[in-house]
């Protein structure tokens, strides 16, 4: 069964994350701890504009993340989803949690996979 810690592995920026900054505004109530590795996905035409950093602090009530390094790129975000104006697509920057892995453990009852 699942472990005790359950966390979203992807969440959205609630305001722009500026190049040179080490502060992000994301969702509240996440299960982030110091040392968690996160990546900010590109929000521009440059597909490699990804920032990979570590959580220094996270405020569960405000959603503010302080990172251990400054960002190399700008990442767009806003409080409200853009899905209504973009045919269901939320254009806000995505933040991916890279620290935790998912392990699927099951019984091979039909000898699939060899």
PDB file of N, CA and C in Angstrom:
ATOM      1  N   UNK A   1       0.838  -1.179   0.000  1.00  0.00           N
ATOM      2  CA  UNK A   1       0.000   0.000   0.000  1.00  0.00           C
ATOM      3  C   UNK A   1       0.884   1.244   0.000  1.00  0.00           C
ATOM      4  N   UNK A   2       0.281   2.403  -0.092  1.00  0.00           N
ATOM      5  CA  UNK A   2       1.030   3.656  -0.137  1.00  0.00           C
ATOM      6  C   UNK A   2       1.656   3.970   1.214  1.00  0.00           C
ATOM      7  N   UNK A   3       2.779   4.719   1.156  1.00  0.00           N
ATOM      8  CA  UNK A   3       3.415   5.169   2.385  1.00  0.00           C
ATOM      9  C   UNK A   3       2.591   6.259   3.048  1.00  0.00           C
ATOM     10  N   UNK A   4       3.053   6.733   4.179  1.00  0.00           N
ATOM     11  CA  UNK A   4       2.323   7.745   4.941  1.00  0.00           C
ATOM     12  C   UNK A   4       2.294   9.096   4.237  1.00  0.00           C
ATOM     13  N   UNK A   5       3.380   9.464   3.541  1.00  0.00           N
ATOM     14  CA  UNK A   5       3.448  10.775   2.900  1.00  0.00           C
ATOM     15  C   UNK A   5       2.826  10.709   1.518  1.00  0.00           C
ATOM     16  N   UNK A   6       1.803  11.495   1.306  1.00  0.00           N
ATOM     17  CA  UNK A   6       1.198  11.619  -0.014  1.00  0.00           C
ATOM     18  C   UNK A   6       1.348  13.057  -0.436  1.00  0.00           C
ATOM     19  N   UNK A   7       1.846  13.246  -1.622  1.00  0.00           N
ATOM     20  CA  UNK A   7       2.095  14.598  -2.073  1.00  0.00           C
ATOM     21  C   UNK A   7       1.789  14.716  -3.550  1.00  0.00           C
ATOM     22  N   UNK A   8       1.359  15.895  -3.954  1.00  0.00           N
ATOM     23  CA  UNK A   8       1.218  16.168  -5.375  1.00  0.00           C
ATOM     24  C   UNK A   8       2.609  16.166  -5.990  1.00  0.00           C
ATOM     25  N   UNK A   9       2.724  15.647  -7.182  1.00  0.00           N
ATOM     26  CA  UNK A   9       4.014  15.672  -7.861  1.00  0.00           C
ATOM     27  C   UNK A   9       4.095  16.812  -8.877  1.00  0.00           C
ATOM     28  N   UNK A  10       2.971  17.493  -9.134  1.00  0.00           N
ATOM     29  CA  UNK A  10       2.954  18.637 -10.023  1.00  0.00           C
ATOM     30  C   UNK A  10       1.971  19.658  -9.475  1.00  0.00           C
ATOM     31  N   UNK A  11       2.397  20.917  -9.459  1.00  0.00           N
ATOM     32  CA  UNK A  11       1.538  21.997  -9.001  1.00  0.00           C
ATOM     33  C   UNK A  11       1.871  23.240  -9.811  1.00  0.00           C
ATOM     34  N   UNK A  12       1.053  24.287  -9.696  1.00  0.00           N
ATOM     35  CA  UNK A  12       1.155  25.468 -10.550  1.00  0.00           C
ATOM     36  C   UNK A  12       1.671  26.698  -9.798  1.00  0.00           C
ATOM     37  N   UNK A  13       2.302  27.584 -10.557  1.00  0.00           N
ATOM     38  CA  UNK A  13       2.733  28.874 -10.011  1.00  0.00           C
ATOM     39  C   UNK A  13       1.536  29.796  -9.886  1.00  0.00           C
ATOM     40  N   UNK A  14       1.428  30.485  -8.751  1.00  0.00           N
ATOM     41  CA  UNK A  14       0.330  31.429  -8.520  1.00  0.00           C
ATOM     42  C   UNK A  14       0.728  32.876  -8.790  1.00  0.00           C
ATOM     43  N   UNK A  15       1.978  33.101  -9.155  1.00  0.00           N
ATOM     44  CA  UNK A  15       2.458  34.408  -9.632  1.00  0.00           C
ATOM     45  C   UNK A  15       3.743  34.135 -10.415  1.00  0.00           C
ATOM     46  N   UNK A  16       4.175  35.093 -11.232  1.00  0.00           N
ATOM     47  CA  UNK A  16       5.406  34.865 -11.991  1.00  0.00           C
ATOM     48  C   UNK A  16       6.599  34.609 -11.064  1.00  0.00           C
ATOM     49  N   UNK A  17       7.457  33.680 -11.487  1.00  0.00           N
ATOM     50  CA  UNK A  17       8.724  33.419 -10.802  1.00  0.00           C
ATOM     51  C   UNK A  17       9.799  34.101 -11.644  1.00  0.00           C
ATOM     52  N   UNK A  18      10.446  35.087 -11.083  1.00  0.00           N
ATOM     53  CA  UNK A  18      11.355  35.939 -11.844  1.00  0.00           C
ATOM     54  C   UNK A  18      12.771  35.394 -11.904  1.00  0.00           C
ATOM     55  N   UNK A  19      13.395  35.592 -13.049  1.00  0.00           N
ATOM     56  CA  UNK A  19      14.802  35.249 -13.206  1.00  0.00           C
ATOM     57  C   UNK A  19      15.604  35.981 -12.131  1.00  0.00           C
ATOM     58  N   UNK A  20      16.506  35.279 -11.443  1.00  0.00           N
ATOM     59  CA  UNK A  20      17.312  35.880 -10.389  1.00  0.00           C
ATOM     60  C   UNK A  20      16.689  35.783  -9.007  1.00  0.00           C
ATOM     61  N   UNK A  21      15.427  35.354  -8.933  1.00  0.00           N
ATOM     62  CA  UNK A  21      14.736  35.228  -7.645  1.00  0.00           C
ATOM     63  C   UNK A  21      14.935  33.823  -7.069  1.00  0.00           C
ATOM     64  N   UNK A  22      14.741  33.706  -5.773  1.00  0.00           N
ATOM     65  CA  UNK A  22      14.759  32.382  -5.150  1.00  0.00           C
ATOM     66  C   UNK A  22      13.447  32.138  -4.394  1.00  0.00           C
ATOM     67  N   UNK A  23      12.375  32.821  -4.810  1.00  0.00           N
ATOM     68  CA  UNK A  23      11.080  32.677  -4.155  1.00  0.00           C
ATOM     69  C   UNK A  23       9.995  32.391  -5.181  1.00  0.00           C
ATOM     70  N   UNK A  24       9.143  31.411  -4.873  1.00  0.00           N
ATOM     71  CA  UNK A  24       8.027  31.014  -5.725  1.00  0.00           C
ATOM     72  C   UNK A  24       6.749  31.081  -4.912  1.00  0.00           C
ATOM     73  N   UNK A  25       5.639  31.366  -5.571  1.00  0.00           N
ATOM     74  CA  UNK A  25       4.337  31.281  -4.923  1.00  0.00           C
ATOM     75  C   UNK A  25       3.560  30.171  -5.622  1.00  0.00           C
ATOM     76  N   UNK A  26       3.224  29.138  -4.857  1.00  0.00           N
ATOM     77  CA  UNK A  26       2.518  27.980  -5.395  1.00  0.00           C
ATOM     78  C   UNK A  26       1.293  27.699  -4.533  1.00  0.00           C
ATOM     79  N   UNK A  27       0.771  26.509  -4.663  1.00  0.00           N
ATOM     80  CA  UNK A  27      -0.394  26.098  -3.886  1.00  0.00           C
ATOM     81  C   UNK A  27      -0.046  25.979  -2.402  1.00  0.00           C
ATOM     82  N   UNK A  28      -1.063  26.107  -1.569  1.00  0.00           N
ATOM     83  CA  UNK A  28      -0.891  25.889  -0.137  1.00  0.00           C
ATOM     84  C   UNK A  28      -1.183  24.425   0.181  1.00  0.00           C
ATOM     85  N   UNK A  29      -0.754  23.998   1.357  1.00  0.00           N
ATOM     86  CA  UNK A  29      -1.072  22.653   1.833  1.00  0.00           C
ATOM     87  C   UNK A  29      -0.306  21.531   1.173  1.00  0.00           C
ATOM     88  N   UNK A  30       0.794  21.842   0.504  1.00  0.00           N
ATOM     89  CA  UNK A  30       1.601  20.792  -0.122  1.00  0.00           C
ATOM     90  C   UNK A  30       2.479  20.108   0.920  1.00  0.00           C
ATOM     91  N   UNK A  31       2.950  18.937   0.596  1.00  0.00           N
ATOM     92  CA  UNK A  31       3.807  18.169   1.496  1.00  0.00           C
ATOM     93  C   UNK A  31       5.264  18.329   1.076  1.00  0.00           C
ATOM     94  N   UNK A  32       5.752  19.562   1.084  1.00  0.00           N
ATOM     95  CA  UNK A  32       7.136  19.840   0.717  1.00  0.00           C
ATOM     96  C   UNK A  32       7.977  20.024   1.970  1.00  0.00           C
ATOM     97  N   UNK A  33       9.199  19.523   1.920  1.00  0.00           N
ATOM     98  CA  UNK A  33      10.123  19.654   3.045  1.00  0.00           C
ATOM     99  C   UNK A  33      11.462  20.158   2.523  1.00  0.00           C
ATOM    100  N   UNK A  34      12.254  20.805   3.386  1.00  0.00           N
ATOM    101  CA  UNK A  34      13.575  21.248   2.957  1.00  0.00           C
ATOM    102  C   UNK A  34      14.371  20.084   2.373  1.00  0.00           C
ATOM    103  N   UNK A  35      15.019  20.369   1.249  1.00  0.00           N
ATOM    104  CA  UNK A  35      15.804  19.347   0.566  1.00  0.00           C
ATOM    105  C   UNK A  35      15.076  18.692  -0.591  1.00  0.00           C
ATOM    106  N   UNK A  36      13.751  18.885  -0.706  1.00  0.00           N
ATOM    107  CA  UNK A  36      13.022  18.339  -1.845  1.00  0.00           C
ATOM    108  C   UNK A  36      13.531  18.988  -3.127  1.00  0.00           C
ATOM    109  N   UNK A  37      13.713  18.176  -4.152  1.00  0.00           N
ATOM    110  CA  UNK A  37      14.170  18.669  -5.458  1.00  0.00           C
ATOM    111  C   UNK A  37      12.950  18.987  -6.316  1.00  0.00           C
ATOM    112  N   UNK A  38      12.936  20.191  -6.902  1.00  0.00           N
ATOM    113  CA  UNK A  38      11.838  20.612  -7.767  1.00  0.00           C
ATOM    114  C   UNK A  38      12.396  21.128  -9.092  1.00  0.00           C
ATOM    115  N   UNK A  39      11.558  21.085 -10.115  1.00  0.00           N
ATOM    116  CA  UNK A  39      11.921  21.639 -11.418  1.00  0.00           C
ATOM    117  C   UNK A  39      10.770  22.516 -11.895  1.00  0.00           C
ATOM    118  N   UNK A  40      11.111  23.674 -12.433  1.00  0.00           N
ATOM    119  CA  UNK A  40      10.126  24.585 -13.009  1.00  0.00           C
ATOM    120  C   UNK A  40      10.180  24.420 -14.516  1.00  0.00           C
ATOM    121  N   UNK A  41       9.043  24.086 -15.110  1.00  0.00           N
ATOM    122  CA  UNK A  41       8.966  23.837 -16.537  1.00  0.00           C
ATOM    123  C   UNK A  41       8.922  25.158 -17.314  1.00  0.00           C
ATOM    124  N   UNK A  42       9.354  25.146 -18.581  1.00  0.00           N
ATOM    125  CA  UNK A  42       9.378  26.368 -19.390  1.00  0.00           C
ATOM    126  C   UNK A  42       7.983  26.936 -19.629  1.00  0.00           C
ATOM    127  N   UNK A  43       7.905  28.247 -19.657  1.00  0.00           N
ATOM    128  CA  UNK A  43       6.654  28.926 -20.029  1.00  0.00           C
ATOM    129  C   UNK A  43       6.913  29.885 -21.193  1.00  0.00           C
ATOM    130  N   UNK A  44       7.989  29.660 -21.907  1.00  0.00           N
ATOM    131  CA  UNK A  44       8.346  30.508 -23.049  1.00  0.00           C
ATOM    132  C   UNK A  44       8.519  29.619 -24.276  1.00  0.00           C
ATOM    133  N   UNK A  45       8.980  30.214 -25.351  1.00  0.00           N
ATOM    134  CA  UNK A  45       9.238  29.453 -26.570  1.00  0.00           C
ATOM    135  C   UNK A  45      10.559  28.694 -26.513  1.00  0.00           C
ATOM    136  N   UNK A  46      11.304  28.860 -25.451  1.00  0.00           N
ATOM    137  CA  UNK A  46      12.580  28.174 -25.295  1.00  0.00           C
ATOM    138  C   UNK A  46      12.361  26.873 -24.523  1.00  0.00           C
ATOM    139  N   UNK A  47      12.412  25.731 -25.199  1.00  0.00           N
ATOM    140  CA  UNK A  47      12.062  24.471 -24.539  1.00  0.00           C
ATOM    141  C   UNK A  47      13.029  24.030 -23.445  1.00  0.00           C
ATOM    142  N   UNK A  48      14.232  24.557 -23.433  1.00  0.00           N
ATOM    143  CA  UNK A  48      15.184  24.145 -22.398  1.00  0.00           C
ATOM    144  C   UNK A  48      15.262  25.147 -21.239  1.00  0.00           C
ATOM    145  N   UNK A  49      14.294  26.049 -21.128  1.00  0.00           N
ATOM    146  CA  UNK A  49      14.269  27.042 -20.043  1.00  0.00           C
ATOM    147  C   UNK A  49      13.695  26.405 -18.779  1.00  0.00           C
ATOM    148  N   UNK A  50      14.384  25.397 -18.295  1.00  0.00           N
ATOM    149  CA  UNK A  50      13.960  24.648 -17.106  1.00  0.00           C
ATOM    150  C   UNK A  50      14.889  25.012 -15.951  1.00  0.00           C
ATOM    151  N   UNK A  51      14.307  25.277 -14.798  1.00  0.00           N
ATOM    152  CA  UNK A  51      15.106  25.481 -13.587  1.00  0.00           C
ATOM    153  C   UNK A  51      14.964  24.251 -12.703  1.00  0.00           C
ATOM    154  N   UNK A  52      16.086  23.758 -12.225  1.00  0.00           N
ATOM    155  CA  UNK A  52      16.156  22.589 -11.349  1.00  0.00           C
ATOM    156  C   UNK A  52      16.808  23.062 -10.054  1.00  0.00           C
ATOM    157  N   UNK A  53      16.093  22.968  -8.942  1.00  0.00           N
ATOM    158  CA  UNK A  53      16.573  23.525  -7.686  1.00  0.00           C
ATOM    159  C   UNK A  53      16.049  22.722  -6.505  1.00  0.00           C
ATOM    160  N   UNK A  54      16.377  23.132  -5.311  1.00  0.00           N
ATOM    161  CA  UNK A  54      15.957  22.438  -4.098  1.00  0.00           C
ATOM    162  C   UNK A  54      15.197  23.384  -3.171  1.00  0.00           C
ATOM    163  N   UNK A  55      14.212  22.842  -2.480  1.00  0.00           N
ATOM    164  CA  UNK A  55      13.422  23.610  -1.521  1.00  0.00           C
ATOM    165  C   UNK A  55      14.278  23.897  -0.295  1.00  0.00           C
ATOM    166  N   UNK A  56      14.388  25.161   0.060  1.00  0.00           N
ATOM    167  CA  UNK A  56      15.048  25.548   1.297  1.00  0.00           C
ATOM    168  C   UNK A  56      14.006  25.641   2.411  1.00  0.00           C
ATOM    169  N   UNK A  57      12.882  26.340   2.109  1.00  0.00           N
ATOM    170  CA  UNK A  57      11.760  26.419   3.047  1.00  0.00           C
ATOM    171  C   UNK A  57      10.462  26.422   2.249  1.00  0.00           C
ATOM    172  N   UNK A  58       9.404  25.988   2.891  1.00  0.00           N
ATOM    173  CA  UNK A  58       8.062  26.049   2.299  1.00  0.00           C
ATOM    174  C   UNK A  58       7.085  26.430   3.399  1.00  0.00           C
ATOM    175  N   UNK A  59       6.293  27.472   3.149  1.00  0.00           N
ATOM    176  CA  UNK A  59       5.269  27.896   4.097  1.00  0.00           C
ATOM    177  C   UNK A  59       3.941  27.287   3.661  1.00  0.00           C
ATOM    178  N   UNK A  60       3.470  26.341   4.429  1.00  0.00           N
ATOM    179  CA  UNK A  60       2.262  25.574   4.137  1.00  0.00           C
ATOM    180  C   UNK A  60       1.015  26.450   4.052  1.00  0.00           C
ATOM    181  N   UNK A  61       0.984  27.559   4.752  1.00  0.00           N
ATOM    182  CA  UNK A  61      -0.219  28.398   4.776  1.00  0.00           C
ATOM    183  C   UNK A  61      -0.245  29.453   3.673  1.00  0.00           C
ATOM    184  N   UNK A  62       0.920  29.900   3.197  1.00  0.00           N
ATOM    185  CA  UNK A  62       0.964  30.916   2.141  1.00  0.00           C
ATOM    186  C   UNK A  62       1.310  30.329   0.766  1.00  0.00           C
ATOM    187  N   UNK A  63       1.976  29.188   0.737  1.00  0.00           N
ATOM    188  CA  UNK A  63       2.408  28.580  -0.518  1.00  0.00           C
ATOM    189  C   UNK A  63       3.745  29.101  -1.012  1.00  0.00           C
ATOM    190  N   UNK A  64       4.460  29.866  -0.191  1.00  0.00           N
ATOM    191  CA  UNK A  64       5.750  30.428  -0.600  1.00  0.00           C
ATOM    192  C   UNK A  64       6.852  29.387  -0.425  1.00  0.00           C
ATOM    193  N   UNK A  65       7.585  29.167  -1.516  1.00  0.00           N
ATOM    194  CA  UNK A  65       8.757  28.287  -1.506  1.00  0.00           C
ATOM    195  C   UNK A  65       9.987  29.159  -1.657  1.00  0.00           C
ATOM    196  N   UNK A  66      10.963  28.971  -0.793  1.00  0.00           N
ATOM    197  CA  UNK A  66      12.285  29.585  -0.959  1.00  0.00           C
ATOM    198  C   UNK A  66      13.205  28.479  -1.440  1.00  0.00           C
ATOM    199  N   UNK A  67      13.958  28.753  -2.500  1.00  0.00           N
ATOM    200  CA  UNK A  67      14.860  27.765  -3.069  1.00  0.00           C
ATOM    201  C   UNK A  67      16.304  28.045  -2.665  1.00  0.00           C
ATOM    202  N   UNK A  68      17.152  27.036  -2.828  1.00  0.00           N
ATOM    203  CA  UNK A  68      18.544  27.207  -2.413  1.00  0.00           C
ATOM    204  C   UNK A  68      19.396  27.910  -3.468  1.00  0.00           C
ATOM    205  N   UNK A  69      18.845  28.114  -4.660  1.00  0.00           N
ATOM    206  CA  UNK A  69      19.556  28.834  -5.719  1.00  0.00           C
ATOM    207  C   UNK A  69      18.595  29.817  -6.378  1.00  0.00           C
ATOM    208  N   UNK A  70      19.150  30.771  -7.101  1.00  0.00           N
ATOM    209  CA  UNK A  70      18.296  31.701  -7.838  1.00  0.00           C
ATOM    210  C   UNK A  70      17.926  31.078  -9.190  1.00  0.00           C
ATOM    211  N   UNK A  71      16.802  31.530  -9.732  1.00  0.00           N
ATOM    212  CA  UNK A  71      16.307  30.988 -10.993  1.00  0.00           C
ATOM    213  C   UNK A  71      17.083  31.556 -12.173  1.00  0.00           C
ATOM    214  N   UNK A  72      17.310  30.722 -13.169  1.00  0.00           N
ATOM    215  CA  UNK A  72      18.002  31.136 -14.383  1.00  0.00           C
ATOM    216  C   UNK A  72      17.046  31.646 -15.450  1.00  0.00           C
ATOM    217  N   UNK A  73      15.744  31.366 -15.276  1.00  0.00           N
ATOM    218  CA  UNK A  73      14.741  31.724 -16.283  1.00  0.00           C
ATOM    219  C   UNK A  73      13.497  32.302 -15.619  1.00  0.00           C
ATOM    220  N   UNK A  74      12.714  33.015 -16.433  1.00  0.00           N
ATOM    221  CA  UNK A  74      11.411  33.532 -16.024  1.00  0.00           C
ATOM    222  C   UNK A  74      10.379  32.422 -16.240  1.00  0.00           C
ATOM    223  N   UNK A  75       9.447  32.269 -15.281  1.00  0.00           N
ATOM    224  CA  UNK A  75       8.364  31.286 -15.384  1.00  0.00           C
ATOM    225  C   UNK A  75       7.064  32.001 -15.046  1.00  0.00           C
ATOM    226  N   UNK A  76       6.103  31.943 -15.963  1.00  0.00           N
ATOM    227  CA  UNK A  76       4.857  32.686 -15.812  1.00  0.00           C
ATOM    228  C   UNK A  76       3.874  31.963 -14.897  1.00  0.00           C
ATOM    229  N   UNK A  77       3.146  32.746 -14.085  1.00  0.00           N
ATOM    230  CA  UNK A  77       2.111  32.200 -13.224  1.00  0.00           C
ATOM    231  C   UNK A  77       1.107  33.266 -12.859  1.00  0.00           C
ATOM    232  N   UNK A  78      -0.069  32.836 -12.444  1.00  0.00           N
ATOM    233  CA  UNK A  78      -1.123  33.738 -12.000  1.00  0.00           C
ATOM    234  C   UNK A  78      -2.022  32.987 -11.029  1.00  0.00           C
ATOM    235  N   UNK A  79      -2.742  33.729 -10.222  1.00  0.00           N
ATOM    236  CA  UNK A  79      -3.583  33.138  -9.172  1.00  0.00           C
ATOM    237  C   UNK A  79      -4.636  32.178  -9.725  1.00  0.00           C
ATOM    238  N   UNK A  80      -5.302  32.586 -10.786  1.00  0.00           N
ATOM    239  CA  UNK A  80      -6.409  31.792 -11.337  1.00  0.00           C
ATOM    240  C   UNK A  80      -5.964  30.975 -12.547  1.00  0.00           C
ATOM    241  N   UNK A  81      -6.577  29.826 -12.739  1.00  0.00           N
ATOM    242  CA  UNK A  81      -6.331  28.985 -13.906  1.00  0.00           C
ATOM    243  C   UNK A  81      -6.728  29.734 -15.181  1.00  0.00           C
ATOM    244  N   UNK A  82      -6.025  29.462 -16.257  1.00  0.00           N
ATOM    245  CA  UNK A  82      -6.338  30.065 -17.552  1.00  0.00           C
ATOM    246  C   UNK A  82      -7.173  29.129 -18.422  1.00  0.00           C
ATOM    247  N   UNK A  83      -7.586  28.014 -17.885  1.00  0.00           N
ATOM    248  CA  UNK A  83      -8.268  26.980 -18.666  1.00  0.00           C
ATOM    249  C   UNK A  83      -9.501  27.499 -19.406  1.00  0.00           C
ATOM    250  N   UNK A  84     -10.264  28.376 -18.791  1.00  0.00           N
ATOM    251  CA  UNK A  84     -11.486  28.879 -19.420  1.00  0.00           C
ATOM    252  C   UNK A  84     -11.185  29.666 -20.696  1.00  0.00           C
ATOM    253  N   UNK A  85     -10.109  30.385 -20.718  1.00  0.00           N
ATOM    254  CA  UNK A  85      -9.776  31.210 -21.875  1.00  0.00           C
ATOM    255  C   UNK A  85      -8.928  30.531 -22.931  1.00  0.00           C
ATOM    256  N   UNK A  86      -8.436  29.321 -22.644  1.00  0.00           N
ATOM    257  CA  UNK A  86      -7.548  28.621 -23.576  1.00  0.00           C
ATOM    258  C   UNK A  86      -8.017  27.188 -23.845  1.00  0.00           C
ATOM    259  N   UNK A  87      -9.288  27.042 -24.107  1.00  0.00           N
ATOM    260  CA  UNK A  87      -9.864  25.731 -24.454  1.00  0.00           C
ATOM    261  C   UNK A  87      -9.483  24.625 -23.472  1.00  0.00           C
ATOM    262  N   UNK A  88      -9.521  24.940 -22.182  1.00  0.00           N
ATOM    263  CA  UNK A  88      -9.263  23.943 -21.147  1.00  0.00           C
ATOM    264  C   UNK A  88      -7.810  23.790 -20.741  1.00  0.00           C
ATOM    265  N   UNK A  89      -6.916  24.581 -21.318  1.00  0.00           N
ATOM    266  CA  UNK A  89      -5.486  24.461 -21.007  1.00  0.00           C
ATOM    267  C   UNK A  89      -5.089  25.499 -19.965  1.00  0.00           C
ATOM    268  N   UNK A  90      -4.522  25.030 -18.863  1.00  0.00           N
ATOM    269  CA  UNK A  90      -4.010  25.929 -17.827  1.00  0.00           C
ATOM    270  C   UNK A  90      -2.574  26.280 -18.200  1.00  0.00           C
ATOM    271  N   UNK A  91      -2.345  27.535 -18.566  1.00  0.00           N
ATOM    272  CA  UNK A  91      -1.051  27.984 -19.082  1.00  0.00           C
ATOM    273  C   UNK A  91      -0.044  28.352 -17.984  1.00  0.00           C
ATOM    274  N   UNK A  92      -0.467  28.314 -16.730  1.00  0.00           N
ATOM    275  CA  UNK A  92       0.448  28.686 -15.646  1.00  0.00           C
ATOM    276  C   UNK A  92       1.623  27.716 -15.586  1.00  0.00           C
ATOM    277  N   UNK A  93       2.773  28.218 -15.149  1.00  0.00           N
ATOM    278  CA  UNK A  93       3.964  27.403 -15.049  1.00  0.00           C
ATOM    279  C   UNK A  93       3.772  26.217 -14.121  1.00  0.00           C
ATOM    280  N   UNK A  94       4.327  25.082 -14.538  1.00  0.00           N
ATOM    281  CA  UNK A  94       4.258  23.862 -13.744  1.00  0.00           C
ATOM    282  C   UNK A  94       5.527  23.705 -12.916  1.00  0.00           C
ATOM    283  N   UNK A  95       5.343  23.270 -11.688  1.00  0.00           N
ATOM    284  CA  UNK A  95       6.452  22.932 -10.811  1.00  0.00           C
ATOM    285  C   UNK A  95       6.347  21.439 -10.538  1.00  0.00           C
ATOM    286  N   UNK A  96       7.412  20.719 -10.828  1.00  0.00           N
ATOM    287  CA  UNK A  96       7.415  19.267 -10.657  1.00  0.00           C
ATOM    288  C   UNK A  96       8.239  18.893  -9.429  1.00  0.00           C
ATOM    289  N   UNK A  97       7.703  18.009  -8.621  1.00  0.00           N
ATOM    290  CA  UNK A  97       8.438  17.474  -7.475  1.00  0.00           C
ATOM    291  C   UNK A  97       9.223  16.268  -7.954  1.00  0.00           C
ATOM    292  N   UNK A  98      10.548  16.326  -7.876  1.00  0.00           N
ATOM    293  CA  UNK A  98      11.412  15.275  -8.403  1.00  0.00           C
ATOM    294  C   UNK A  98      11.965  14.344  -7.332  1.00  0.00           C
ATOM    295  N   UNK A  99      11.791  14.695  -6.084  1.00  0.00           N
ATOM    296  CA  UNK A  99      12.424  13.945  -5.001  1.00  0.00           C
ATOM    297  C   UNK A  99      11.864  12.550  -4.809  1.00  0.00           C
ATOM    298  N   UNK A 100      10.565  12.433  -4.868  1.00  0.00           N
ATOM    299  CA  UNK A 100       9.950  11.160  -4.503  1.00  0.00           C
ATOM    300  C   UNK A 100       9.640  10.311  -5.714  1.00  0.00           C
ATOM    301  N   UNK A 101       9.791   9.037  -5.557  1.00  0.00           N
ATOM    302  CA  UNK A 101       9.518   8.085  -6.620  1.00  0.00           C
ATOM    303  C   UNK A 101       8.233   7.330  -6.321  1.00  0.00           C
ATOM    304  N   UNK A 102       7.654   6.785  -7.361  1.00  0.00           N
ATOM    305  CA  UNK A 102       6.489   5.923  -7.218  1.00  0.00           C
ATOM    306  C   UNK A 102       6.947   4.498  -7.488  1.00  0.00           C
ATOM    307  N   UNK A 103       6.674   3.617  -6.565  1.00  0.00           N
ATOM    308  CA  UNK A 103       7.018   2.213  -6.739  1.00  0.00           C
ATOM    309  C   UNK A 103       5.717   1.427  -6.839  1.00  0.00           C
ATOM    310  N   UNK A 104       5.596   0.680  -7.933  1.00  0.00           N
ATOM    311  CA  UNK A 104       4.424  -0.161  -8.114  1.00  0.00           C
ATOM    312  C   UNK A 104       4.841  -1.582  -7.793  1.00  0.00           C
ATOM    313  N   UNK A 105       4.185  -2.154  -6.814  1.00  0.00           N
ATOM    314  CA  UNK A 105       4.507  -3.504  -6.360  1.00  0.00           C
ATOM    315  C   UNK A 105       3.253  -4.356  -6.517  1.00  0.00           C
ATOM    316  N   UNK A 106       3.335  -5.364  -7.386  1.00  0.00           N
ATOM    317  CA  UNK A 106       2.172  -6.199  -7.643  1.00  0.00           C
ATOM    318  C   UNK A 106       2.587  -7.640  -7.883  1.00  0.00           C
ATOM    319  N   UNK A 107       1.631  -8.503  -7.803  1.00  0.00           N
ATOM    320  CA  UNK A 107       1.863  -9.910  -8.050  1.00  0.00           C
ATOM    321  C   UNK A 107       1.669 -10.192  -9.532  1.00  0.00           C
ATOM    322  N   UNK A 108       2.575 -10.971 -10.139  1.00  0.00           N
ATOM    323  CA  UNK A 108       2.496 -11.330 -11.550  1.00  0.00           C
ATOM    324  C   UNK A 108       1.696 -12.637 -11.664  1.00  0.00           C
ATOM    325  N   UNK A 109       0.370 -12.506 -11.734  1.00  0.00           N
ATOM    326  CA  UNK A 109      -0.475 -13.698 -11.675  1.00  0.00           C
ATOM    327  C   UNK A 109      -0.659 -14.403 -13.013  1.00  0.00           C
ATOM    328  N   UNK A 110      -0.289 -13.741 -14.111  1.00  0.00           N
ATOM    329  CA  UNK A 110      -0.449 -14.358 -15.420  1.00  0.00           C
ATOM    330  C   UNK A 110       0.871 -14.505 -16.147  1.00  0.00           C
ATOM    331  N   UNK A 111       1.978 -14.401 -15.437  1.00  0.00           N
ATOM    332  CA  UNK A 111       3.325 -14.559 -15.987  1.00  0.00           C
ATOM    333  C   UNK A 111       3.642 -13.566 -17.098  1.00  0.00           C
ATOM    334  N   UNK A 112       3.124 -12.364 -17.009  1.00  0.00           N
ATOM    335  CA  UNK A 112       3.436 -11.328 -17.982  1.00  0.00           C
ATOM    336  C   UNK A 112       4.846 -10.818 -17.721  1.00  0.00           C
ATOM    337  N   UNK A 113       5.518 -10.478 -18.713  1.00  0.00           N
ATOM    338  CA  UNK A 113       6.845  -9.902 -18.577  1.00  0.00           C
ATOM    339  C   UNK A 113       7.950 -10.930 -18.441  1.00  0.00           C
ATOM    340  N   UNK A 114       7.669 -12.179 -18.720  1.00  0.00           N
ATOM    341  CA  UNK A 114       8.747 -13.158 -18.782  1.00  0.00           C
ATOM    342  C   UNK A 114       8.671 -14.153 -17.723  1.00  0.00           C
TER     343      UNK A 114
END
